[in-house]
Amino acid sequence: MYRSISNPAALAAYAELAVPAITAGGGRILARGGRVEAHEAGVAERTVLLEFDSFEQAQAAYASEGYQAALEKLGDGADRDLRIVEAAE
């Protein structure tokens, strides 16, 4: 979730590296910046939803050299809330 984006150019540079790193790590993009409707205490913010075959695969993709390089490009260009969540059985 992106609470705010202060540097769209840094976000674009991040995305150029992040998408290939995520897909190389086995990730599939399910939602990326589409329409959002928040309810209850939610805040309508840019949301990206990824799916991996396992919790560990998601952790490895996040820790990968390629994704970490993407994060360096982003720097402080966005305030994000990133979580890795195990799926329900």
PDB file of N, CA and C in Angstrom:
ATOM      1  N   MET A   1       0.842  -1.165   0.000  1.00  0.00           N
ATOM      2  CA  MET A   1       0.000   0.000   0.000  1.00  0.00           C
ATOM      3  C   MET A   1       0.895   1.238   0.000  1.00  0.00           C
ATOM      4  N   TYR A   2       0.527   2.188  -0.798  1.00  0.00           N
ATOM      5  CA  TYR A   2       1.268   3.443  -0.866  1.00  0.00           C
ATOM      6  C   TYR A   2       0.464   4.505  -0.142  1.00  0.00           C
ATOM      7  N   ARG A   3       0.916   4.915   1.020  1.00  0.00           N
ATOM      8  CA  ARG A   3       0.222   5.959   1.774  1.00  0.00           C
ATOM      9  C   ARG A   3       0.381   7.306   1.087  1.00  0.00           C
ATOM     10  N   SER A   4       1.562   7.517   0.514  1.00  0.00           N
ATOM     11  CA  SER A   4       1.789   8.743  -0.247  1.00  0.00           C
ATOM     12  C   SER A   4       2.964   8.511  -1.192  1.00  0.00           C
ATOM     13  N   ILE A   5       2.958   9.262  -2.280  1.00  0.00           N
ATOM     14  CA  ILE A   5       4.050   9.215  -3.255  1.00  0.00           C
ATOM     15  C   ILE A   5       4.565  10.635  -3.399  1.00  0.00           C
ATOM     16  N   SER A   6       5.801  10.856  -2.956  1.00  0.00           N
ATOM     17  CA  SER A   6       6.362  12.205  -3.013  1.00  0.00           C
ATOM     18  C   SER A   6       7.267  12.406  -4.220  1.00  0.00           C
ATOM     19  N   ASN A   7       7.683  11.300  -4.856  1.00  0.00           N
ATOM     20  CA  ASN A   7       8.579  11.407  -5.994  1.00  0.00           C
ATOM     21  C   ASN A   7       8.160  10.395  -7.067  1.00  0.00           C
ATOM     22  N   PRO A   8       7.256  10.790  -7.963  1.00  0.00           N
ATOM     23  CA  PRO A   8       6.788   9.874  -9.005  1.00  0.00           C
ATOM     24  C   PRO A   8       7.914   9.335  -9.896  1.00  0.00           C
ATOM     25  N   ALA A   9       8.959  10.126 -10.134  1.00  0.00           N
ATOM     26  CA  ALA A   9      10.078   9.655 -10.957  1.00  0.00           C
ATOM     27  C   ALA A   9      10.821   8.518 -10.258  1.00  0.00           C
ATOM     28  N   ALA A  10      11.005   8.627  -8.954  1.00  0.00           N
ATOM     29  CA  ALA A  10      11.657   7.554  -8.196  1.00  0.00           C
ATOM     30  C   ALA A  10      10.780   6.306  -8.193  1.00  0.00           C
ATOM     31  N   LEU A  11       9.469   6.485  -8.111  1.00  0.00           N
ATOM     32  CA  LEU A  11       8.551   5.352  -8.159  1.00  0.00           C
ATOM     33  C   LEU A  11       8.636   4.657  -9.519  1.00  0.00           C
ATOM     34  N   ALA A  12       8.726   5.412 -10.588  1.00  0.00           N
ATOM     35  CA  ALA A  12       8.847   4.825 -11.923  1.00  0.00           C
ATOM     36  C   ALA A  12      10.162   4.060 -12.067  1.00  0.00           C
ATOM     37  N   ALA A  13      11.253   4.617 -11.536  1.00  0.00           N
ATOM     38  CA  ALA A  13      12.554   3.933 -11.590  1.00  0.00           C
ATOM     39  C   ALA A  13      12.512   2.647 -10.769  1.00  0.00           C
ATOM     40  N   TYR A  14      11.842   2.695  -9.622  1.00  0.00           N
ATOM     41  CA  TYR A  14      11.654   1.507  -8.786  1.00  0.00           C
ATOM     42  C   TYR A  14      10.885   0.441  -9.560  1.00  0.00           C
ATOM     43  N   ALA A  15       9.785   0.826 -10.198  1.00  0.00           N
ATOM     44  CA  ALA A  15       8.930  -0.133 -10.909  1.00  0.00           C
ATOM     45  C   ALA A  15       9.672  -0.818 -12.043  1.00  0.00           C
ATOM     46  N   GLU A  16      10.546  -0.084 -12.732  1.00  0.00           N
ATOM     47  CA  GLU A  16      11.318  -0.679 -13.823  1.00  0.00           C
ATOM     48  C   GLU A  16      12.161  -1.858 -13.349  1.00  0.00           C
ATOM     49  N   LEU A  17      12.663  -1.782 -12.130  1.00  0.00           N
ATOM     50  CA  LEU A  17      13.478  -2.868 -11.576  1.00  0.00           C
ATOM     51  C   LEU A  17      12.652  -3.850 -10.766  1.00  0.00           C
ATOM     52  N   ALA A  18      11.624  -3.365 -10.089  1.00  0.00           N
ATOM     53  CA  ALA A  18      10.851  -4.214  -9.178  1.00  0.00           C
ATOM     54  C   ALA A  18      10.040  -5.263  -9.915  1.00  0.00           C
ATOM     55  N   VAL A  19       9.382  -4.894 -10.992  1.00  0.00           N
ATOM     56  CA  VAL A  19       8.519  -5.847 -11.701  1.00  0.00           C
ATOM     57  C   VAL A  19       9.320  -7.056 -12.185  1.00  0.00           C
ATOM     58  N   PRO A  20      10.460  -6.868 -12.874  1.00  0.00           N
ATOM     59  CA  PRO A  20      11.227  -8.044 -13.290  1.00  0.00           C
ATOM     60  C   PRO A  20      11.767  -8.855 -12.104  1.00  0.00           C
ATOM     61  N   ALA A  21      12.143  -8.174 -11.021  1.00  0.00           N
ATOM     62  CA  ALA A  21      12.650  -8.892  -9.850  1.00  0.00           C
ATOM     63  C   ALA A  21      11.553  -9.740  -9.211  1.00  0.00           C
ATOM     64  N   ILE A  22      10.351  -9.208  -9.164  1.00  0.00           N
ATOM     65  CA  ILE A  22       9.218  -9.941  -8.585  1.00  0.00           C
ATOM     66  C   ILE A  22       8.864 -11.145  -9.444  1.00  0.00           C
ATOM     67  N   THR A  23       8.772 -10.941 -10.748  1.00  0.00           N
ATOM     68  CA  THR A  23       8.412 -12.060 -11.619  1.00  0.00           C
ATOM     69  C   THR A  23       9.523 -13.105 -11.660  1.00  0.00           C
ATOM     70  N   ALA A  24      10.780 -12.675 -11.607  1.00  0.00           N
ATOM     71  CA  ALA A  24      11.894 -13.629 -11.564  1.00  0.00           C
ATOM     72  C   ALA A  24      11.846 -14.463 -10.283  1.00  0.00           C
ATOM     73  N   GLY A  25      11.309 -13.874  -9.226  1.00  0.00           N
ATOM     74  CA  GLY A  25      11.177 -14.577  -7.957  1.00  0.00           C
ATOM     75  C   GLY A  25       9.922 -15.431  -7.862  1.00  0.00           C
ATOM     76  N   GLY A  26       9.181 -15.523  -8.957  1.00  0.00           N
ATOM     77  CA  GLY A  26       7.977 -16.343  -8.975  1.00  0.00           C
ATOM     78  C   GLY A  26       6.703 -15.609  -8.638  1.00  0.00           C
ATOM     79  N   GLY A  27       6.767 -14.298  -8.490  1.00  0.00           N
ATOM     80  CA  GLY A  27       5.588 -13.515  -8.134  1.00  0.00           C
ATOM     81  C   GLY A  27       4.694 -13.226  -9.320  1.00  0.00           C
ATOM     82  N   ARG A  28       3.405 -13.126  -9.031  1.00  0.00           N
ATOM     83  CA  ARG A  28       2.403 -12.780 -10.032  1.00  0.00           C
ATOM     84  C   ARG A  28       1.666 -11.530  -9.543  1.00  0.00           C
ATOM     85  N   ILE A  29       1.551 -10.549 -10.401  1.00  0.00           N
ATOM     86  CA  ILE A  29       0.870  -9.304 -10.042  1.00  0.00           C
ATOM     87  C   ILE A  29      -0.626  -9.519 -10.222  1.00  0.00           C
ATOM     88  N   LEU A  30      -1.389  -9.391  -9.127  1.00  0.00           N
ATOM     89  CA  LEU A  30      -2.838  -9.557  -9.168  1.00  0.00           C
ATOM     90  C   LEU A  30      -3.560  -8.217  -9.267  1.00  0.00           C
ATOM     91  N   ALA A  31      -3.005  -7.195  -8.662  1.00  0.00           N
ATOM     92  CA  ALA A  31      -3.588  -5.846  -8.714  1.00  0.00           C
ATOM     93  C   ALA A  31      -2.436  -4.858  -8.623  1.00  0.00           C
ATOM     94  N   ARG A  32      -2.564  -3.770  -9.387  1.00  0.00           N
ATOM     95  CA  ARG A  32      -1.475  -2.784  -9.395  1.00  0.00           C
ATOM     96  C   ARG A  32      -2.040  -1.421  -9.745  1.00  0.00           C
ATOM     97  N   GLY A  33      -2.391  -0.655  -8.714  1.00  0.00           N
ATOM     98  CA  GLY A  33      -2.790   0.725  -8.915  1.00  0.00           C
ATOM     99  C   GLY A  33      -4.160   0.938  -9.525  1.00  0.00           C
ATOM    100  N   GLY A  34      -5.019  -0.064  -9.496  1.00  0.00           N
ATOM    101  CA  GLY A  34      -6.370   0.099 -10.035  1.00  0.00           C
ATOM    102  C   GLY A  34      -7.276   0.820  -9.050  1.00  0.00           C
ATOM    103  N   ARG A  35      -8.549   0.738  -9.311  1.00  0.00           N
ATOM    104  CA  ARG A  35      -9.535   1.397  -8.448  1.00  0.00           C
ATOM    105  C   ARG A  35      -9.528   0.779  -7.060  1.00  0.00           C
ATOM    106  N   VAL A  36      -9.708   1.619  -6.054  1.00  0.00           N
ATOM    107  CA  VAL A  36      -9.736   1.199  -4.652  1.00  0.00           C
ATOM    108  C   VAL A  36     -10.928   1.862  -3.976  1.00  0.00           C
ATOM    109  N   GLU A  37     -11.650   1.099  -3.216  1.00  0.00           N
ATOM    110  CA  GLU A  37     -12.729   1.640  -2.387  1.00  0.00           C
ATOM    111  C   GLU A  37     -12.472   1.150  -0.967  1.00  0.00           C
ATOM    112  N   ALA A  38     -12.277   2.080  -0.054  1.00  0.00           N
ATOM    113  CA  ALA A  38     -11.981   1.732   1.330  1.00  0.00           C
ATOM    114  C   ALA A  38     -13.247   1.786   2.174  1.00  0.00           C
ATOM    115  N   HIS A  39     -13.347   0.894   3.136  1.00  0.00           N
ATOM    116  CA  HIS A  39     -14.477   0.842   4.051  1.00  0.00           C
ATOM    117  C   HIS A  39     -13.990   0.810   5.488  1.00  0.00           C
ATOM    118  N   GLU A  40     -14.886   1.095   6.391  1.00  0.00           N
ATOM    119  CA  GLU A  40     -14.617   1.102   7.838  1.00  0.00           C
ATOM    120  C   GLU A  40     -13.438   2.011   8.134  1.00  0.00           C
ATOM    121  N   ALA A  41     -12.345   1.534   8.709  1.00  0.00           N
ATOM    122  CA  ALA A  41     -11.217   2.413   9.045  1.00  0.00           C
ATOM    123  C   ALA A  41     -10.179   2.460   7.929  1.00  0.00           C
ATOM    124  N   GLY A  42     -10.497   1.893   6.762  1.00  0.00           N
ATOM    125  CA  GLY A  42      -9.553   1.834   5.656  1.00  0.00           C
ATOM    126  C   GLY A  42      -9.317   3.185   5.010  1.00  0.00           C
ATOM    127  N   VAL A  43      -8.206   3.287   4.333  1.00  0.00           N
ATOM    128  CA  VAL A  43      -7.837   4.486   3.604  1.00  0.00           C
ATOM    129  C   VAL A  43      -7.645   4.080   2.151  1.00  0.00           C
ATOM    130  N   ALA A  44      -8.299   4.760   1.246  1.00  0.00           N
ATOM    131  CA  ALA A  44      -8.145   4.458  -0.181  1.00  0.00           C
ATOM    132  C   ALA A  44      -6.766   4.930  -0.624  1.00  0.00           C
ATOM    133  N   GLU A  45      -5.876   3.998  -0.866  1.00  0.00           N
ATOM    134  CA  GLU A  45      -4.519   4.320  -1.275  1.00  0.00           C
ATOM    135  C   GLU A  45      -4.100   3.369  -2.390  1.00  0.00           C
ATOM    136  N   ARG A  46      -3.095   3.771  -3.136  1.00  0.00           N
ATOM    137  CA  ARG A  46      -2.587   2.908  -4.208  1.00  0.00           C
ATOM    138  C   ARG A  46      -2.210   1.565  -3.607  1.00  0.00           C
ATOM    139  N   THR A  47      -2.692   0.498  -4.220  1.00  0.00           N
ATOM    140  CA  THR A  47      -2.472  -0.848  -3.700  1.00  0.00           C
ATOM    141  C   THR A  47      -1.892  -1.736  -4.781  1.00  0.00           C
ATOM    142  N   VAL A  48      -0.903  -2.531  -4.383  1.00  0.00           N
ATOM    143  CA  VAL A  48      -0.325  -3.547  -5.254  1.00  0.00           C
ATOM    144  C   VAL A  48      -0.472  -4.872  -4.522  1.00  0.00           C
ATOM    145  N   LEU A  49      -1.036  -5.863  -5.192  1.00  0.00           N
ATOM    146  CA  LEU A  49      -1.247  -7.181  -4.601  1.00  0.00           C
ATOM    147  C   LEU A  49      -0.509  -8.208  -5.445  1.00  0.00           C
ATOM    148  N   LEU A  50       0.384  -8.941  -4.793  1.00  0.00           N
ATOM    149  CA  LEU A  50       1.186  -9.960  -5.463  1.00  0.00           C
ATOM    150  C   LEU A  50       0.859 -11.320  -4.886  1.00  0.00           C
ATOM    151  N   GLU A  51       1.068 -12.355  -5.689  1.00  0.00           N
ATOM    152  CA  GLU A  51       0.864 -13.723  -5.223  1.00  0.00           C
ATOM    153  C   GLU A  51       2.124 -14.534  -5.513  1.00  0.00           C
ATOM    154  N   PHE A  52       2.532 -15.329  -4.542  1.00  0.00           N
ATOM    155  CA  PHE A  52       3.654 -16.249  -4.681  1.00  0.00           C
ATOM    156  C   PHE A  52       3.158 -17.636  -4.305  1.00  0.00           C
ATOM    157  N   ASP A  53       3.869 -18.653  -4.715  1.00  0.00           N
ATOM    158  CA  ASP A  53       3.470 -20.026  -4.398  1.00  0.00           C
ATOM    159  C   ASP A  53       3.656 -20.367  -2.926  1.00  0.00           C
ATOM    160  N   SER A  54       4.519 -19.618  -2.232  1.00  0.00           N
ATOM    161  CA  SER A  54       4.724 -19.881  -0.811  1.00  0.00           C
ATOM    162  C   SER A  54       5.160 -18.603  -0.098  1.00  0.00           C
ATOM    163  N   PHE A  55       4.999 -18.612   1.200  1.00  0.00           N
ATOM    164  CA  PHE A  55       5.438 -17.507   2.057  1.00  0.00           C
ATOM    165  C   PHE A  55       6.948 -17.317   1.893  1.00  0.00           C
ATOM    166  N   GLU A  56       7.675 -18.438   1.893  1.00  0.00           N
ATOM    167  CA  GLU A  56       9.134 -18.391   1.789  1.00  0.00           C
ATOM    168  C   GLU A  56       9.586 -17.834   0.441  1.00  0.00           C
ATOM    169  N   GLN A  57       8.853 -18.148  -0.604  1.00  0.00           N
ATOM    170  CA  GLN A  57       9.190 -17.622  -1.929  1.00  0.00           C
ATOM    171  C   GLN A  57       9.031 -16.100  -1.940  1.00  0.00           C
ATOM    172  N   ALA A  58       8.001 -15.604  -1.286  1.00  0.00           N
ATOM    173  CA  ALA A  58       7.797 -14.159  -1.197  1.00  0.00           C
ATOM    174  C   ALA A  58       8.921 -13.498  -0.404  1.00  0.00           C
ATOM    175  N   GLN A  59       9.315 -14.123   0.687  1.00  0.00           N
ATOM    176  CA  GLN A  59      10.423 -13.587   1.493  1.00  0.00           C
ATOM    177  C   GLN A  59      11.708 -13.530   0.669  1.00  0.00           C
ATOM    178  N   ALA A  60      11.974 -14.591  -0.082  1.00  0.00           N
ATOM    179  CA  ALA A  60      13.188 -14.642  -0.897  1.00  0.00           C
ATOM    180  C   ALA A  60      13.159 -13.584  -1.995  1.00  0.00           C
ATOM    181  N   ALA A  61      12.001 -13.363  -2.608  1.00  0.00           N
ATOM    182  CA  ALA A  61      11.890 -12.348  -3.651  1.00  0.00           C
ATOM    183  C   ALA A  61      12.147 -10.958  -3.069  1.00  0.00           C
ATOM    184  N   TYR A  62      11.619 -10.703  -1.885  1.00  0.00           N
ATOM    185  CA  TYR A  62      11.841  -9.404  -1.231  1.00  0.00           C
ATOM    186  C   TYR A  62      13.326  -9.200  -0.930  1.00  0.00           C
ATOM    187  N   ALA A  63      13.981 -10.250  -0.460  1.00  0.00           N
ATOM    188  CA  ALA A  63      15.392 -10.159  -0.076  1.00  0.00           C
ATOM    189  C   ALA A  63      16.337 -10.232  -1.273  1.00  0.00           C
ATOM    190  N   SER A  64      15.816 -10.517  -2.467  1.00  0.00           N
ATOM    191  CA  SER A  64      16.673 -10.714  -3.643  1.00  0.00           C
ATOM    192  C   SER A  64      17.451  -9.448  -3.984  1.00  0.00           C
ATOM    193  N   GLU A  65      18.570  -9.675  -4.626  1.00  0.00           N
ATOM    194  CA  GLU A  65      19.427  -8.576  -5.059  1.00  0.00           C
ATOM    195  C   GLU A  65      18.673  -7.616  -5.979  1.00  0.00           C
ATOM    196  N   GLY A  66      17.886  -8.177  -6.897  1.00  0.00           N
ATOM    197  CA  GLY A  66      17.146  -7.346  -7.847  1.00  0.00           C
ATOM    198  C   GLY A  66      16.115  -6.458  -7.179  1.00  0.00           C
ATOM    199  N   TYR A  67      15.379  -7.012  -6.211  1.00  0.00           N
ATOM    200  CA  TYR A  67      14.358  -6.208  -5.542  1.00  0.00           C
ATOM    201  C   TYR A  67      14.993  -5.165  -4.629  1.00  0.00           C
ATOM    202  N   GLN A  68      16.066  -5.527  -3.975  1.00  0.00           N
ATOM    203  CA  GLN A  68      16.748  -4.557  -3.122  1.00  0.00           C
ATOM    204  C   GLN A  68      17.308  -3.398  -3.943  1.00  0.00           C
ATOM    205  N   ALA A  69      17.756  -3.687  -5.167  1.00  0.00           N
ATOM    206  CA  ALA A  69      18.208  -2.608  -6.064  1.00  0.00           C
ATOM    207  C   ALA A  69      17.042  -1.690  -6.423  1.00  0.00           C
ATOM    208  N   ALA A  70      15.867  -2.283  -6.615  1.00  0.00           N
ATOM    209  CA  ALA A  70      14.667  -1.477  -6.898  1.00  0.00           C
ATOM    210  C   ALA A  70      14.344  -0.562  -5.727  1.00  0.00           C
ATOM    211  N   LEU A  71      14.439  -1.097  -4.511  1.00  0.00           N
ATOM    212  CA  LEU A  71      14.164  -0.282  -3.325  1.00  0.00           C
ATOM    213  C   LEU A  71      15.143   0.875  -3.200  1.00  0.00           C
ATOM    214  N   GLU A  72      16.390   0.658  -3.585  1.00  0.00           N
ATOM    215  CA  GLU A  72      17.373   1.748  -3.561  1.00  0.00           C
ATOM    216  C   GLU A  72      16.945   2.872  -4.502  1.00  0.00           C
ATOM    217  N   LYS A  73      16.408   2.512  -5.668  1.00  0.00           N
ATOM    218  CA  LYS A  73      15.934   3.524  -6.624  1.00  0.00           C
ATOM    219  C   LYS A  73      14.759   4.314  -6.051  1.00  0.00           C
ATOM    220  N   LEU A  74      13.895   3.628  -5.296  1.00  0.00           N
ATOM    221  CA  LEU A  74      12.732   4.305  -4.705  1.00  0.00           C
ATOM    222  C   LEU A  74      13.166   5.275  -3.623  1.00  0.00           C
ATOM    223  N   GLY A  75      14.128   4.863  -2.801  1.00  0.00           N
ATOM    224  CA  GLY A  75      14.591   5.723  -1.716  1.00  0.00           C
ATOM    225  C   GLY A  75      13.430   6.159  -0.839  1.00  0.00           C
ATOM    226  N   ASP A  76      13.333   7.451  -0.592  1.00  0.00           N
ATOM    227  CA  ASP A  76      12.230   7.973   0.224  1.00  0.00           C
ATOM    228  C   ASP A  76      11.159   8.610  -0.663  1.00  0.00           C
ATOM    229  N   GLY A  77      11.038   8.113  -1.880  1.00  0.00           N
ATOM    230  CA  GLY A  77      10.073   8.656  -2.842  1.00  0.00           C
ATOM    231  C   GLY A  77       8.633   8.288  -2.577  1.00  0.00           C
ATOM    232  N   ALA A  78       8.408   7.356  -1.622  1.00  0.00           N
ATOM    233  CA  ALA A  78       7.037   6.960  -1.282  1.00  0.00           C
ATOM    234  C   ALA A  78       7.011   6.439   0.144  1.00  0.00           C
ATOM    235  N   ASP A  79       5.895   6.659   0.795  1.00  0.00           N
ATOM    236  CA  ASP A  79       5.642   6.100   2.128  1.00  0.00           C
ATOM    237  C   ASP A  79       4.763   4.879   1.897  1.00  0.00           C
ATOM    238  N   ARG A  80       5.304   3.690   2.201  1.00  0.00           N
ATOM    239  CA  ARG A  80       4.601   2.451   1.874  1.00  0.00           C
ATOM    240  C   ARG A  80       4.381   1.606   3.121  1.00  0.00           C
ATOM    241  N   ASP A  81       3.432   0.715   3.013  1.00  0.00           N
ATOM    242  CA  ASP A  81       3.142  -0.295   4.041  1.00  0.00           C
ATOM    243  C   ASP A  81       3.172  -1.634   3.328  1.00  0.00           C
ATOM    244  N   LEU A  82       4.282  -2.355   3.447  1.00  0.00           N
ATOM    245  CA  LEU A  82       4.463  -3.619   2.729  1.00  0.00           C
ATOM    246  C   LEU A  82       4.377  -4.769   3.715  1.00  0.00           C
ATOM    247  N   ARG A  83       3.606  -5.782   3.353  1.00  0.00           N
ATOM    248  CA  ARG A  83       3.446  -6.949   4.213  1.00  0.00           C
ATOM    249  C   ARG A  83       3.540  -8.213   3.376  1.00  0.00           C
ATOM    250  N   ILE A  84       4.119  -9.247   3.980  1.00  0.00           N
ATOM    251  CA  ILE A  84       4.096 -10.585   3.402  1.00  0.00           C
ATOM    252  C   ILE A  84       3.158 -11.375   4.306  1.00  0.00           C
ATOM    253  N   VAL A  85       2.103 -11.910   3.718  1.00  0.00           N
ATOM    254  CA  VAL A  85       1.043 -12.582   4.488  1.00  0.00           C
ATOM    255  C   VAL A  85       0.858 -13.986   3.957  1.00  0.00           C
ATOM    256  N   GLU A  86       0.828 -14.945   4.864  1.00  0.00           N
ATOM    257  CA  GLU A  86       0.572 -16.328   4.450  1.00  0.00           C
ATOM    258  C   GLU A  86      -0.893 -16.490   4.085  1.00  0.00           C
ATOM    259  N   ALA A  87      -1.140 -17.153   2.976  1.00  0.00           N
ATOM    260  CA  ALA A  87      -2.515 -17.365   2.504  1.00  0.00           C
ATOM    261  C   ALA A  87      -3.263 -18.354   3.371  1.00  0.00           C
ATOM    262  N   ALA A  88      -4.556 -18.229   3.387  1.00  0.00           N
ATOM    263  CA  ALA A  88      -5.406 -19.183   4.093  1.00  0.00           C
ATOM    264  C   ALA A  88      -5.431 -20.486   3.304  1.00  0.00           C
ATOM    265  N   GLU A  89      -5.585 -21.549   4.018  1.00  0.00           N
ATOM    266  CA  GLU A  89      -5.658 -22.862   3.356  1.00  0.00           C
ATOM    267  C   GLU A  89      -7.040 -23.077   2.799  1.00  0.00           C
TER     268      GLU A  89
END
